[in-house]
Amino acid sequence: IAIAVFIRLRLKETPVFQELEKHKGVVKNPVVQIWKHSKKNVLIGIGLRMGENGNSSIYSALLVSFISMPAGIFAGDKFIGPTGLLIAAGFAAVMVVTFGALSDRFGRVPVYRYGALFQAIIALPAFYLVTLGNVTLVWVVMVVGISLGVQSMLGPQCALLPELFGSQHRFTGVALSRELSAVLAGGFAPMIGVALLAATGHSWLVPAIYSLVLALISFGTTFFTPETNGRDLLLVEDAS
């Protein structure tokens, strides 16, 4: 925390925020204003995040529990899951930038839409492959699910969410979208998944269908999402 505070105190405000301060355009009650004027885009942001944040938790937490629980294919193992996550993280660091660059060229919404669709398509085969008991296949599933599925949404999302909101309440809009979705999708995903696994006899269909549903929510949300690539960040109005 101390390091984070140290860094934050030395960060300069963005040119957009400085321009707002200069013209006294900073909103005093942003939460009230965001719900009054930008509820639609907040809900869009939450919907977009369900497939990305939820699947991030499913592949990085629930999948590890699925294979290492007493009823799992690698019961009690403490090596396979963390190693797979480490490999996936290495690929993800490259792919998140790649998908962000693709969204600069082809648009935020198309890249996000196809990323969510890809995540939905791989859900069932990915978790079936895990049950075959092959360590290499487990690692491949983690790499594909995290570095291709999740990052294909996170890459454009880093620009898309801020661009959805007008300059006066951009920070609040992004914060509400990200944090509420983090609770709804990522926060509850491992707990709900483990409970469902226990209730269904450790069926691989549980995490697979859970992953599929979350990805489809984001896929559907993209059809209500305005394209924001190249939008002027000084605009007060939300994207529509």
Protein backbone atom coordinates (compact mmCIF):
# COMPACT_ATOMS: atom_id res chain seq x y z
CA ILE A 1 0.00 0.00 0.00
CA ALA A 2 2.81 2.39 0.89
CA ILE A 3 4.42 1.85 -2.52
CA ALA A 4 1.09 2.45 -4.27
CA VAL A 5 0.53 5.69 -2.33
CA PHE A 6 4.09 6.80 -3.09
CA ILE A 7 3.58 6.25 -6.83
CA ARG A 8 0.13 7.89 -6.85
CA LEU A 9 1.38 11.05 -5.14
CA ARG A 10 3.89 11.51 -7.94
CA LEU A 11 1.51 10.90 -10.80
CA LYS A 12 0.34 13.94 -12.71
CA GLU A 13 -3.33 14.41 -13.53
CA THR A 14 -4.32 13.70 -17.12
CA PRO A 15 -4.55 16.62 -19.59
CA VAL A 16 -8.32 16.03 -19.78
CA PHE A 17 -8.74 16.40 -16.01
CA GLN A 18 -6.50 19.47 -15.93
CA GLU A 19 -8.64 21.03 -18.66
CA LEU A 20 -11.79 20.32 -16.65
CA GLU A 21 -10.28 21.90 -13.53
CA LYS A 22 -9.31 24.96 -15.52
CA HIS A 23 -12.91 25.45 -16.65
CA LYS A 24 -14.42 24.36 -13.31
CA GLY A 25 -15.94 21.30 -14.94
CA VAL A 26 -15.18 18.82 -12.15
CA VAL A 27 -18.41 17.31 -10.77
CA LYS A 28 -18.82 17.49 -6.98
CA ASN A 29 -21.21 14.53 -6.58
CA PRO A 30 -20.12 12.15 -9.34
CA VAL A 31 -21.89 9.02 -8.03
CA VAL A 32 -25.27 10.76 -8.00
CA GLN A 33 -24.65 12.22 -11.44
CA ILE A 34 -23.47 8.95 -12.94
CA TRP A 35 -26.64 7.10 -11.91
CA LYS A 36 -28.77 9.96 -13.10
CA HIS A 37 -27.21 10.43 -16.53
CA SER A 38 -25.04 7.41 -17.32
CA LYS A 39 -26.80 4.37 -15.91
CA LYS A 40 -27.01 2.71 -19.33
CA ASN A 41 -23.27 2.89 -19.94
CA VAL A 42 -22.51 1.67 -16.41
CA LEU A 43 -24.69 -1.38 -17.08
CA ILE A 44 -22.95 -1.87 -20.43
CA GLY A 45 -19.60 -1.76 -18.66
CA ILE A 46 -20.76 -4.36 -16.14
CA GLY A 47 -22.06 -6.62 -18.90
CA LEU A 48 -18.81 -6.37 -20.83
CA ARG A 49 -16.82 -7.27 -17.76
CA MET A 50 -18.82 -10.40 -16.86
CA GLY A 51 -17.14 -12.56 -19.48
CA GLU A 52 -13.66 -11.15 -18.93
CA ASN A 53 -13.49 -10.87 -15.15
CA GLY A 54 -15.62 -13.92 -14.47
CA ASN A 55 -13.60 -16.17 -16.77
CA SER A 56 -10.37 -14.80 -15.36
CA SER A 57 -11.47 -16.12 -11.96
CA ILE A 58 -12.77 -19.37 -13.42
CA TYR A 59 -9.53 -20.22 -15.23
CA SER A 60 -7.18 -18.96 -12.52
CA ALA A 61 -9.02 -20.09 -9.37
CA LEU A 62 -11.94 -22.44 -10.04
CA LEU A 63 -10.02 -24.55 -12.56
CA VAL A 64 -7.14 -24.98 -10.12
CA SER A 65 -9.60 -26.07 -7.43
CA PHE A 66 -11.36 -28.37 -9.90
CA ILE A 67 -8.22 -30.37 -10.65
CA SER A 68 -6.71 -30.37 -7.15
CA MET A 69 -9.74 -30.96 -4.90
CA PRO A 70 -10.08 -34.44 -3.32
CA ALA A 71 -12.42 -35.46 -6.16
CA GLY A 72 -10.25 -33.80 -8.82
CA ILE A 73 -8.23 -35.51 -11.54
CA PHE A 74 -4.99 -34.41 -9.83
CA ALA A 75 -6.23 -34.55 -6.23
CA GLY A 76 -3.90 -32.90 -3.75
CA ASP A 77 -1.43 -31.67 -6.37
CA LYS A 78 0.12 -28.27 -5.64
CA PHE A 79 2.29 -27.95 -8.73
CA ILE A 80 0.23 -28.34 -11.91
CA GLY A 81 -2.22 -25.48 -11.33
CA PRO A 82 0.26 -22.77 -10.27
CA THR A 83 2.70 -23.77 -13.01
CA GLY A 84 -0.02 -23.52 -15.63
CA LEU A 85 -1.02 -20.10 -14.35
CA LEU A 86 2.58 -18.90 -14.50
CA ILE A 87 2.89 -20.03 -18.12
CA ALA A 88 -0.48 -18.48 -19.01
CA ALA A 89 0.50 -15.19 -17.36
CA GLY A 90 3.60 -14.96 -19.54
CA PHE A 91 1.55 -15.33 -22.71
CA ALA A 92 -1.15 -13.00 -21.36
CA ALA A 93 1.33 -10.17 -20.84
CA VAL A 94 1.98 -10.19 -24.59
CA MET A 95 -1.56 -10.88 -25.78
CA VAL A 96 -3.27 -8.12 -23.80
CA VAL A 97 -1.14 -5.55 -25.65
CA THR A 98 -1.74 -7.34 -28.95
CA PHE A 99 -5.52 -7.30 -28.58
CA GLY A 100 -5.40 -3.67 -27.47
CA ALA A 101 -3.50 -2.80 -30.65
CA LEU A 102 -6.00 -4.77 -32.74
CA SER A 103 -8.83 -2.75 -31.21
CA ASP A 104 -7.01 0.45 -32.22
CA ARG A 105 -7.06 -0.75 -35.80
CA PHE A 106 -10.34 -2.65 -36.14
CA GLY A 107 -12.45 -1.08 -33.39
CA ARG A 108 -13.12 -1.83 -29.73
CA VAL A 109 -16.47 -3.55 -30.18
CA PRO A 110 -15.56 -6.04 -32.96
CA VAL A 111 -12.46 -7.28 -31.12
CA TYR A 112 -14.38 -7.54 -27.85
CA ARG A 113 -17.30 -9.33 -29.52
CA TYR A 114 -15.16 -11.96 -31.18
CA GLY A 115 -13.15 -12.39 -27.99
CA ALA A 116 -16.30 -13.09 -25.99
CA LEU A 117 -17.55 -15.44 -28.70
CA PHE A 118 -14.22 -17.30 -28.69
CA GLN A 119 -14.42 -17.64 -24.91
CA ALA A 120 -17.91 -19.09 -25.21
CA ILE A 121 -16.92 -21.54 -27.97
CA ILE A 122 -13.99 -23.02 -26.04
CA ALA A 123 -15.84 -23.39 -22.72
CA LEU A 124 -17.17 -26.94 -23.12
CA PRO A 125 -14.21 -28.51 -24.98
CA ALA A 126 -11.69 -26.82 -22.67
CA PHE A 127 -13.06 -28.29 -19.47
CA TYR A 128 -13.65 -31.67 -21.08
CA LEU A 129 -9.98 -31.78 -22.07
CA VAL A 130 -9.01 -31.11 -18.46
CA THR A 131 -10.76 -34.32 -17.37
CA LEU A 132 -8.51 -36.45 -19.61
CA GLY A 133 -5.78 -36.26 -16.99
CA ASN A 134 -3.02 -34.97 -19.26
CA VAL A 135 -0.90 -32.27 -17.62
CA THR A 136 0.10 -30.70 -20.93
CA LEU A 137 -3.55 -30.40 -21.97
CA VAL A 138 -4.37 -28.70 -18.66
CA TRP A 139 -1.65 -26.14 -19.29
CA VAL A 140 -2.82 -25.60 -22.88
CA VAL A 141 -6.36 -24.98 -21.62
CA MET A 142 -5.07 -22.41 -19.12
CA VAL A 143 -2.96 -20.63 -21.73
CA VAL A 144 -5.75 -20.53 -24.32
CA GLY A 145 -8.46 -19.57 -21.82
CA ILE A 146 -6.48 -16.81 -20.15
CA SER A 147 -4.13 -15.42 -22.80
CA LEU A 148 -6.53 -15.68 -25.75
CA GLY A 149 -10.01 -15.75 -24.25
CA VAL A 150 -9.71 -13.34 -21.32
CA GLN A 151 -7.09 -11.03 -22.85
CA SER A 152 -9.04 -10.65 -26.10
CA MET A 153 -11.62 -8.82 -23.98
CA LEU A 154 -9.30 -7.12 -21.50
CA GLY A 155 -7.13 -5.62 -24.26
CA PRO A 156 -9.86 -3.47 -25.84
CA GLN A 157 -11.61 -3.02 -22.50
CA CYS A 158 -8.80 -0.89 -21.09
CA ALA A 159 -9.64 1.78 -23.67
CA LEU A 160 -13.33 1.02 -24.19
CA LEU A 161 -14.52 1.60 -20.62
CA PRO A 162 -12.99 5.09 -20.24
CA GLU A 163 -14.22 6.04 -23.71
CA LEU A 164 -17.80 5.09 -22.82
CA PHE A 165 -18.10 7.99 -20.38
CA GLY A 166 -17.98 11.75 -20.69
CA SER A 167 -15.07 13.69 -19.24
CA GLN A 168 -16.90 14.98 -16.15
CA HIS A 169 -17.56 11.59 -14.57
CA ARG A 170 -15.30 9.19 -16.45
CA PHE A 171 -13.42 7.96 -13.40
CA THR A 172 -16.61 7.25 -11.46
CA GLY A 173 -18.21 5.49 -14.42
CA VAL A 174 -15.24 3.23 -14.98
CA ALA A 175 -14.85 2.53 -11.26
CA LEU A 176 -18.50 1.55 -10.82
CA SER A 177 -18.45 -0.64 -13.92
CA ARG A 178 -15.25 -2.41 -12.93
CA GLU A 179 -15.83 -2.87 -9.22
CA LEU A 180 -19.49 -3.89 -9.35
CA SER A 181 -18.73 -6.42 -12.07
CA ALA A 182 -15.71 -7.65 -10.10
CA VAL A 183 -18.05 -8.54 -7.24
CA LEU A 184 -20.80 -10.02 -9.42
CA ALA A 185 -18.56 -11.99 -11.79
CA GLY A 186 -15.07 -12.52 -10.44
CA GLY A 187 -15.75 -12.25 -6.73
CA PHE A 188 -18.45 -14.89 -6.54
CA ALA A 189 -17.29 -17.15 -9.38
CA PRO A 190 -14.93 -19.41 -7.37
CA MET A 191 -17.34 -19.74 -4.43
CA ILE A 192 -20.37 -20.44 -6.60
CA GLY A 193 -18.36 -22.82 -8.74
CA VAL A 194 -17.03 -24.84 -5.79
CA ALA A 195 -20.53 -25.06 -4.29
CA LEU A 196 -21.95 -26.29 -7.60
CA LEU A 197 -19.14 -28.81 -7.97
CA ALA A 198 -19.96 -30.23 -4.55
CA ALA A 199 -23.67 -30.37 -5.38
CA THR A 200 -23.19 -32.09 -8.75
CA GLY A 201 -20.57 -34.68 -7.90
CA HIS A 202 -17.65 -32.71 -9.31
CA SER A 203 -19.01 -32.58 -12.86
CA TRP A 204 -16.80 -30.83 -15.43
CA LEU A 205 -19.95 -29.34 -16.94
CA VAL A 206 -20.29 -26.97 -13.97
CA PRO A 207 -17.27 -24.72 -14.69
CA ALA A 208 -17.80 -25.19 -18.44
CA ILE A 209 -21.40 -23.95 -18.44
CA TYR A 210 -20.55 -21.21 -15.93
CA SER A 211 -17.79 -19.98 -18.25
CA LEU A 212 -20.11 -20.22 -21.26
CA VAL A 213 -22.90 -18.19 -19.65
CA LEU A 214 -20.59 -15.38 -18.53
CA ALA A 215 -19.00 -15.17 -21.98
CA LEU A 216 -22.42 -15.04 -23.65
CA ILE A 217 -23.45 -12.16 -21.37
CA SER A 218 -20.50 -10.12 -22.63
CA PHE A 219 -21.10 -11.23 -26.21
CA GLY A 220 -24.71 -10.05 -26.02
CA THR A 221 -23.69 -6.78 -24.37
CA THR A 222 -21.45 -5.86 -27.30
CA PHE A 223 -24.57 -5.42 -29.47
CA PHE A 224 -25.66 -2.57 -27.19
CA THR A 225 -22.17 -1.05 -26.95
CA PRO A 226 -21.32 2.03 -29.05
CA GLU A 227 -18.03 2.04 -30.93
CA THR A 228 -15.68 4.43 -29.14
CA ASN A 229 -12.39 4.08 -31.00
CA GLY A 230 -10.99 7.55 -31.74
CA ARG A 231 -13.53 9.33 -29.53
CA ASP A 232 -12.54 12.77 -28.20
CA LEU A 233 -11.94 12.30 -24.47
CA LEU A 234 -12.70 15.97 -23.80
CA LEU A 235 -16.36 15.47 -24.72
CA VAL A 236 -18.69 15.89 -21.75
CA GLU A 237 -21.37 13.61 -23.20
CA ASP A 238 -21.25 9.83 -22.86
CA ALA A 239 -20.75 7.69 -25.94
CA SER A 240 -24.05 6.66 -27.49
